[in-house]
C-alpha atoms as a PDB file:
ATOM      1  CA  MET A   1     -27.911  34.368  10.391  1.00  0.00           C
ATOM      2  CA  ARG A   2     -27.451  37.047   7.705  1.00  0.00           C
ATOM      3  CA  LYS A   3     -30.264  39.115   9.249  1.00  0.00           C
ATOM      4  CA  ILE A   4     -28.280  39.043  12.532  1.00  0.00           C
ATOM      5  CA  ILE A   5     -25.072  40.117  10.777  1.00  0.00           C
ATOM      6  CA  ARG A   6     -26.847  42.974   8.969  1.00  0.00           C
ATOM      7  CA  GLY A   7     -28.548  44.019  12.133  1.00  0.00           C
ATOM      8  CA  LEU A   8     -25.169  44.050  13.903  1.00  0.00           C
ATOM      9  CA  LEU A   9     -23.695  46.265  11.182  1.00  0.00           C
ATOM     10  CA  VAL A  10     -26.472  48.801  11.579  1.00  0.00           C
ATOM     11  CA  ALA A  11     -26.151  48.609  15.304  1.00  0.00           C
ATOM     12  CA  ALA A  12     -22.447  49.081  15.127  1.00  0.00           C
ATOM     13  CA  ALA A  13     -22.901  52.204  13.008  1.00  0.00           C
ATOM     14  CA  ALA A  14     -25.319  53.547  15.596  1.00  0.00           C
ATOM     15  CA  VAL A  15     -22.913  52.749  18.437  1.00  0.00           C
ATOM     16  CA  ALA A  16     -20.113  54.499  16.555  1.00  0.00           C
ATOM     17  CA  SER A  17     -22.315  57.552  16.223  1.00  0.00           C
ATOM     18  CA  ALA A  18     -23.087  57.470  19.926  1.00  0.00           C
ATOM     19  CA  LEU A  19     -19.404  57.169  20.842  1.00  0.00           C
ATOM     20  CA  ALA A  20     -18.501  60.080  18.560  1.00  0.00           C
ATOM     21  CA  TYR A  21     -21.306  62.360  19.667  1.00  0.00           C
ATOM     22  CA  SER A  22     -19.602  64.174  22.532  1.00  0.00           C
ATOM     23  CA  GLY A  23     -16.462  64.807  20.517  1.00  0.00           C
ATOM     24  CA  LEU A  24     -18.108  66.487  17.565  1.00  0.00           C
ATOM     25  CA  PRO A  25     -18.842  70.271  17.274  1.00  0.00           C
ATOM     26  CA  GLU A  26     -22.273  71.450  16.153  1.00  0.00           C
ATOM     27  CA  ARG A  27     -21.038  72.071  12.574  1.00  0.00           C
ATOM     28  CA  VAL A  28     -18.951  69.292  11.027  1.00  0.00           C
ATOM     29  CA  PRO A  29     -17.633  68.371   7.579  1.00  0.00           C
ATOM     30  CA  VAL A  30     -20.012  65.936   5.850  1.00  0.00           C
ATOM     31  CA  HIS A  31     -18.707  65.955   2.252  1.00  0.00           C
ATOM     32  CA  TRP A  32     -15.266  65.969   0.626  1.00  0.00           C
ATOM     33  CA  ASN A  33     -14.239  66.621  -2.967  1.00  0.00           C
ATOM     34  CA  LEU A  34     -11.891  64.546  -5.093  1.00  0.00           C
ATOM     35  CA  SER A  35      -8.900  66.301  -3.613  1.00  0.00           C
ATOM     36  CA  GLY A  36      -9.945  65.338  -0.123  1.00  0.00           C
ATOM     37  CA  GLU A  37     -10.938  68.850   0.745  1.00  0.00           C
ATOM     38  CA  VAL A  38     -14.128  69.596   2.683  1.00  0.00           C
ATOM     39  CA  ASP A  39     -16.729  71.178   0.341  1.00  0.00           C
ATOM     40  CA  ARG A  40     -19.774  71.038   2.571  1.00  0.00           C
ATOM     41  CA  TYR A  41     -20.489  71.300   6.257  1.00  0.00           C
ATOM     42  CA  GLY A  42     -23.540  70.037   8.013  1.00  0.00           C
ATOM     43  CA  SER A  43     -25.005  69.554  11.484  1.00  0.00           C
ATOM     44  CA  ARG A  44     -23.662  67.075  13.944  1.00  0.00           C
ATOM     45  CA  THR A  45     -26.958  65.195  13.695  1.00  0.00           C
ATOM     46  CA  GLU A  46     -26.520  64.757   9.927  1.00  0.00           C
ATOM     47  CA  ALA A  47     -23.030  63.285  10.316  1.00  0.00           C
ATOM     48  CA  LEU A  48     -24.233  60.903  13.014  1.00  0.00           C
ATOM     49  CA  LEU A  49     -27.474  59.691  11.466  1.00  0.00           C
ATOM     50  CA  LEU A  50     -26.981  59.873   7.667  1.00  0.00           C
ATOM     51  CA  MET A  51     -25.193  56.528   7.130  1.00  0.00           C
ATOM     52  CA  PRO A  52     -27.070  54.458   9.718  1.00  0.00           C
ATOM     53  CA  LEU A  53     -30.369  55.529   8.121  1.00  0.00           C
ATOM     54  CA  MET A  54     -28.952  54.931   4.623  1.00  0.00           C
ATOM     55  CA  MET A  55     -27.931  51.467   5.634  1.00  0.00           C
ATOM     56  CA  LEU A  56     -31.458  50.697   6.821  1.00  0.00           C
ATOM     57  CA  ALA A  57     -32.922  52.201   3.574  1.00  0.00           C
ATOM     58  CA  VAL A  58     -30.571  50.190   1.339  1.00  0.00           C
ATOM     59  CA  TRP A  59     -31.273  46.978   3.234  1.00  0.00           C
ATOM     60  CA  GLY A  60     -35.030  47.505   2.873  1.00  0.00           C
ATOM     61  CA  LEU A  61     -34.742  48.526  -0.757  1.00  0.00           C
ATOM     62  CA  MET A  62     -32.731  45.453  -1.733  1.00  0.00           C
ATOM     63  CA  ARG A  63     -35.235  43.206   0.021  1.00  0.00           C
ATOM     64  CA  LEU A  64     -37.945  44.874  -2.115  1.00  0.00           C
ATOM     65  CA  LEU A  65     -36.249  44.766  -5.522  1.00  0.00           C
ATOM     66  CA  PRO A  66     -36.704  41.013  -6.246  1.00  0.00           C
ATOM     67  CA  ARG A  67     -40.417  41.398  -5.608  1.00  0.00           C
ATOM     68  CA  ILE A  68     -40.923  44.182  -8.171  1.00  0.00           C
ATOM     69  CA  ASP A  69     -38.503  43.059 -10.824  1.00  0.00           C
ATOM     70  CA  PRO A  70     -40.253  41.827 -14.019  1.00  0.00           C
ATOM     71  CA  LEU A  71     -37.550  39.189 -14.155  1.00  0.00           C
ATOM     72  CA  ARG A  72     -38.038  38.200 -10.495  1.00  0.00           C
ATOM     73  CA  ALA A  73     -37.946  34.510 -11.293  1.00  0.00           C
ATOM     74  CA  ASN A  74     -34.217  34.766 -12.134  1.00  0.00           C
ATOM     75  CA  TYR A  75     -33.325  35.825  -8.595  1.00  0.00           C
ATOM     76  CA  ALA A  76     -33.702  32.226  -7.431  1.00  0.00           C
ATOM     77  CA  LYS A  77     -30.827  31.364  -9.700  1.00  0.00           C
ATOM     78  CA  PHE A  78     -28.411  33.654  -7.859  1.00  0.00           C
ATOM     79  CA  ALA A  79     -30.057  34.008  -4.445  1.00  0.00           C
ATOM     80  CA  GLY A  80     -26.871  33.362  -2.495  1.00  0.00           C
ATOM     81  CA  THR A  81     -24.954  35.880  -4.626  1.00  0.00           C
ATOM     82  CA  TYR A  82     -27.630  38.471  -4.122  1.00  0.00           C
ATOM     83  CA  GLU A  83     -27.520  37.995  -0.331  1.00  0.00           C
ATOM     84  CA  LEU A  84     -23.789  38.302  -0.322  1.00  0.00           C
ATOM     85  CA  LEU A  85     -24.069  41.506  -2.308  1.00  0.00           C
ATOM     86  CA  ILE A  86     -26.395  42.993   0.348  1.00  0.00           C
ATOM     87  CA  ASP A  87     -23.859  42.096   3.039  1.00  0.00           C
ATOM     88  CA  ALA A  88     -21.034  43.736   1.059  1.00  0.00           C
ATOM     89  CA  ILE A  89     -22.949  46.915   0.427  1.00  0.00           C
ATOM     90  CA  LEU A  90     -23.917  47.341   4.100  1.00  0.00           C
ATOM     91  CA  ALA A  91     -20.303  46.674   5.184  1.00  0.00           C
ATOM     92  CA  MET A  92     -19.029  49.310   2.685  1.00  0.00           C
ATOM     93  CA  LEU A  93     -21.510  51.847   4.011  1.00  0.00           C
ATOM     94  CA  PHE A  94     -20.455  51.068   7.586  1.00  0.00           C
ATOM     95  CA  LEU A  95     -16.805  51.650   6.779  1.00  0.00           C
ATOM     96  CA  ILE A  96     -17.630  54.908   5.008  1.00  0.00           C
ATOM     97  CA  HIS A  97     -19.618  55.959   8.068  1.00  0.00           C
ATOM     98  CA  VAL A  98     -16.541  55.292  10.262  1.00  0.00           C
ATOM     99  CA  GLY A  99     -14.424  57.388   7.877  1.00  0.00           C
ATOM    100  CA  ILE A 100     -16.910  60.255   7.989  1.00  0.00           C
ATOM    101  CA  LEU A 101     -16.863  60.189  11.782  1.00  0.00           C
ATOM    102  CA  LEU A 102     -13.108  60.160  11.849  1.00  0.00           C
ATOM    103  CA  GLY A 103     -12.981  63.100   9.372  1.00  0.00           C
ATOM    104  CA  ALA A 104     -15.588  65.027  11.417  1.00  0.00           C
ATOM    105  CA  SER A 105     -13.578  64.401  14.590  1.00  0.00           C
ATOM    106  CA  GLY A 106     -10.503  66.063  13.117  1.00  0.00           C
ATOM    107  CA  ALA A 107      -8.761  63.433  11.004  1.00  0.00           C
ATOM    108  CA  PRO A 108      -9.573  64.573   7.465  1.00  0.00           C
ATOM    109  CA  ASP A 109      -7.047  62.382   5.669  1.00  0.00           C
ATOM    110  CA  SER A 110      -8.751  59.286   7.071  1.00  0.00           C
ATOM    111  CA  VAL A 111     -11.945  59.983   5.109  1.00  0.00           C
ATOM    112  CA  THR A 112     -10.659  59.453   1.635  1.00  0.00           C
ATOM    113  CA  ILE A 113      -8.383  56.567   2.739  1.00  0.00           C
ATOM    114  CA  VAL A 114     -11.243  54.659   4.354  1.00  0.00           C
ATOM    115  CA  VAL A 115     -13.589  55.391   1.490  1.00  0.00           C
ATOM    116  CA  ARG A 116     -11.097  54.131  -1.027  1.00  0.00           C
ATOM    117  CA  LEU A 117     -10.407  50.979   1.027  1.00  0.00           C
ATOM    118  CA  ALA A 118     -14.150  50.340   1.362  1.00  0.00           C
ATOM    119  CA  VAL A 119     -14.931  50.945  -2.259  1.00  0.00           C
ATOM    120  CA  GLY A 120     -11.856  48.974  -3.422  1.00  0.00           C
ATOM    121  CA  ALA A 121     -12.912  45.954  -1.363  1.00  0.00           C
ATOM    122  CA  MET A 122     -16.459  46.331  -2.631  1.00  0.00           C
ATOM    123  CA  PHE A 123     -15.203  46.210  -6.200  1.00  0.00           C
ATOM    124  CA  VAL A 124     -13.277  42.988  -5.582  1.00  0.00           C
ATOM    125  CA  VAL A 125     -16.369  41.394  -4.074  1.00  0.00           C
ATOM    126  CA  LEU A 126     -18.569  42.777  -6.944  1.00  0.00           C
ATOM    127  CA  GLY A 127     -16.138  41.408  -9.551  1.00  0.00           C
ATOM    128  CA  ASN A 128     -16.305  37.902  -7.986  1.00  0.00           C
ATOM    129  CA  VAL A 129     -20.090  37.787  -7.812  1.00  0.00           C
ATOM    130  CA  MET A 130     -20.949  39.432 -11.143  1.00  0.00           C
ATOM    131  CA  PRO A 131     -20.443  36.274 -13.254  1.00  0.00           C
ATOM    132  CA  ARG A 132     -22.975  34.437 -11.016  1.00  0.00           C
ATOM    133  CA  THR A 133     -25.797  36.897 -11.557  1.00  0.00           C
ATOM    134  CA  ARG A 134     -28.583  36.347 -14.073  1.00  0.00           C
ATOM    135  CA  GLN A 135     -30.700  38.797 -16.055  1.00  0.00           C
ATOM    136  CA  ASN A 136     -32.588  41.342 -13.914  1.00  0.00           C
ATOM    137  CA  TRP A 137     -33.494  44.986 -14.015  1.00  0.00           C
ATOM    138  CA  PHE A 138     -31.619  46.214 -10.953  1.00  0.00           C
ATOM    139  CA  ILE A 139     -28.295  44.458 -10.337  1.00  0.00           C
ATOM    140  CA  GLY A 140     -25.351  44.256 -12.755  1.00  0.00           C
ATOM    141  CA  VAL A 141     -24.562  45.732 -16.195  1.00  0.00           C
ATOM    142  CA  ARG A 142     -28.142  46.377 -17.354  1.00  0.00           C
ATOM    143  CA  THR A 143     -27.975  47.533 -20.968  1.00  0.00           C
ATOM    144  CA  PRO A 144     -30.545  46.891 -23.772  1.00  0.00           C
ATOM    145  CA  TRP A 145     -28.176  44.236 -25.120  1.00  0.00           C
ATOM    146  CA  THR A 146     -27.554  42.264 -21.852  1.00  0.00           C
ATOM    147  CA  LEU A 147     -31.216  42.300 -21.140  1.00  0.00           C
ATOM    148  CA  ALA A 148     -32.046  41.105 -24.633  1.00  0.00           C
ATOM    149  CA  SER A 149     -29.742  38.123 -24.560  1.00  0.00           C
ATOM    150  CA  ALA A 150     -28.813  35.734 -21.708  1.00  0.00           C
ATOM    151  CA  ARG A 151     -25.604  34.929 -23.547  1.00  0.00           C
ATOM    152  CA  VAL A 152     -24.590  38.566 -23.806  1.00  0.00           C
ATOM    153  CA  TRP A 153     -25.455  39.065 -20.161  1.00  0.00           C
ATOM    154  CA  GLU A 154     -23.198  36.138 -19.096  1.00  0.00           C
ATOM    155  CA  LYS A 155     -20.277  37.172 -21.271  1.00  0.00           C
ATOM    156  CA  THR A 156     -20.480  40.798 -20.264  1.00  0.00           C
ATOM    157  CA  HIS A 157     -20.568  39.948 -16.556  1.00  0.00           C
ATOM    158  CA  ARG A 158     -17.703  37.508 -16.841  1.00  0.00           C
ATOM    159  CA  VAL A 159     -15.510  40.131 -18.477  1.00  0.00           C
ATOM    160  CA  GLY A 160     -16.831  42.881 -16.188  1.00  0.00           C
ATOM    161  CA  GLY A 161     -16.098  40.705 -13.201  1.00  0.00           C
ATOM    162  CA  TYR A 162     -12.439  40.510 -14.096  1.00  0.00           C
ATOM    163  CA  ALA A 163     -12.340  44.263 -14.736  1.00  0.00           C
ATOM    164  CA  PHE A 164     -13.868  45.135 -11.386  1.00  0.00           C
ATOM    165  CA  VAL A 165     -11.509  42.806  -9.485  1.00  0.00           C
ATOM    166  CA  VAL A 166      -8.510  44.428 -11.201  1.00  0.00           C
ATOM    167  CA  LEU A 167      -9.889  47.897 -10.464  1.00  0.00           C
ATOM    168  CA  GLY A 168     -10.610  47.005  -6.883  1.00  0.00           C
ATOM    169  CA  ILE A 169      -7.095  45.750  -6.263  1.00  0.00           C
ATOM    170  CA  LEU A 170      -5.612  48.890  -7.815  1.00  0.00           C
ATOM    171  CA  VAL A 171      -7.892  51.096  -5.692  1.00  0.00           C
ATOM    172  CA  LEU A 172      -6.751  49.208  -2.577  1.00  0.00           C
ATOM    173  CA  LEU A 173      -3.114  49.591  -3.492  1.00  0.00           C
ATOM    174  CA  THR A 174      -3.502  53.337  -4.129  1.00  0.00           C
ATOM    175  CA  ALA A 175      -5.631  54.007  -1.032  1.00  0.00           C
ATOM    176  CA  PRO A 176      -2.616  55.327   1.044  1.00  0.00           C
ATOM    177  CA  LEU A 177      -1.732  57.824  -1.673  1.00  0.00           C
ATOM    178  CA  ALA A 178      -2.677  61.458  -1.363  1.00  0.00           C
ATOM    179  CA  PRO A 179      -6.340  62.222  -2.173  1.00  0.00           C
ATOM    180  CA  GLN A 180      -5.211  64.361  -5.087  1.00  0.00           C
ATOM    181  CA  VAL A 181      -3.895  61.224  -6.702  1.00  0.00           C
ATOM    182  CA  GLY A 182      -6.047  58.395  -5.353  1.00  0.00           C
ATOM    183  CA  MET A 183      -9.485  59.976  -5.695  1.00  0.00           C
ATOM    184  CA  PRO A 184      -9.202  61.008  -9.391  1.00  0.00           C
ATOM    185  CA  PHE A 185      -7.744  57.519 -10.072  1.00  0.00           C
ATOM    186  CA  LEU A 186     -10.811  55.939  -8.405  1.00  0.00           C
ATOM    187  CA  THR A 187     -13.223  58.147 -10.386  1.00  0.00           C
ATOM    188  CA  ALA A 188     -11.426  57.537 -13.714  1.00  0.00           C
ATOM    189  CA  GLY A 189     -11.289  53.791 -13.055  1.00  0.00           C
ATOM    190  CA  ILE A 190     -15.042  53.605 -12.438  1.00  0.00           C
ATOM    191  CA  VAL A 191     -15.774  55.549 -15.644  1.00  0.00           C
ATOM    192  CA  VAL A 192     -13.472  53.381 -17.744  1.00  0.00           C
ATOM    193  CA  VAL A 193     -14.833  50.078 -16.426  1.00  0.00           C
ATOM    194  CA  ALA A 194     -18.427  51.250 -16.565  1.00  0.00           C
ATOM    195  CA  LEU A 195     -18.137  52.488 -20.147  1.00  0.00           C
ATOM    196  CA  GLY A 196     -16.060  49.495 -21.182  1.00  0.00           C
ATOM    197  CA  THR A 197     -18.681  46.962 -20.029  1.00  0.00           C
ATOM    198  CA  VAL A 198     -21.426  48.926 -21.841  1.00  0.00           C
ATOM    199  CA  VAL A 199     -19.430  48.970 -25.131  1.00  0.00           C
ATOM    200  CA  TYR A 200     -18.492  45.287 -24.693  1.00  0.00           C
ATOM    201  CA  SER A 201     -22.184  44.281 -24.246  1.00  0.00           C
ATOM    202  CA  TYR A 202     -23.087  46.062 -27.426  1.00  0.00           C
ATOM    203  CA  LEU A 203     -20.266  44.503 -29.422  1.00  0.00           C
ATOM    204  CA  GLU A 204     -21.229  41.021 -28.146  1.00  0.00           C
ATOM    205  CA  TRP A 205     -24.876  41.628 -29.063  1.00  0.00           C
ATOM    206  CA  ARG A 206     -23.852  42.771 -32.573  1.00  0.00           C
ATOM    207  CA  LYS A 207     -21.714  39.627 -32.978  1.00  0.00           C
ATOM    208  CA  GLU A 208     -24.651  37.490 -31.815  1.00  0.00           C
ATOM    209  CA  GLN A 209     -26.981  39.162 -34.306  1.00  0.00           C
ATOM    210  CA  ALA A 210     -24.412  38.711 -37.125  1.00  0.00           C
ATOM    211  CA  ASN A 211     -23.995  35.028 -36.368  1.00  0.00           C
ATOM    212  CA  GLY A 212     -27.731  34.520 -36.068  1.00  0.00           C
ATOM    213  CA  ALA A 213     -28.277  36.207 -39.432  1.00  0.00           C
END
């Protein structure tokens, strides 16, 4: 069933590209800065094909990762969570694709709004699934300290899960704001949560070492 849903998402992205084709000029905006301003133009083909191809690549890559991970045995412990994560990433990329097409069609403000909505929703999903992951080399907060201790991994991902849910909700609430406000907030939030989980994992590892000593 999940394969069908993922196939439909990729197909929907391709259909969206086909519907937008005739309305796009030869040169279209394909990248926006944190202020929501276009900082790179590309061909119509790039705008139409980039995200559908990326969706296929991400789907294939995430099917491959469990097979090459030295900790591959742990994937069986969170298989359902991993599958949900694939669904969420593909859905996020699809929404970003729609935003890019809208922006290329002459609705520039829609790009950053859709991107923030997609990323915010992704953070909420990520925050909910993080505590259910187990040690691996590709998904989650992978620091030397979380990989060295299953306990540190679990505590870091529990705390990180709450942080990502809060960040996701805040990003969703600020999505309608001007890009000059919303995009820097998104970037700053990602940096704070990412650095915070890394520091937390180290402190928990130090605590574990002290208690073990």
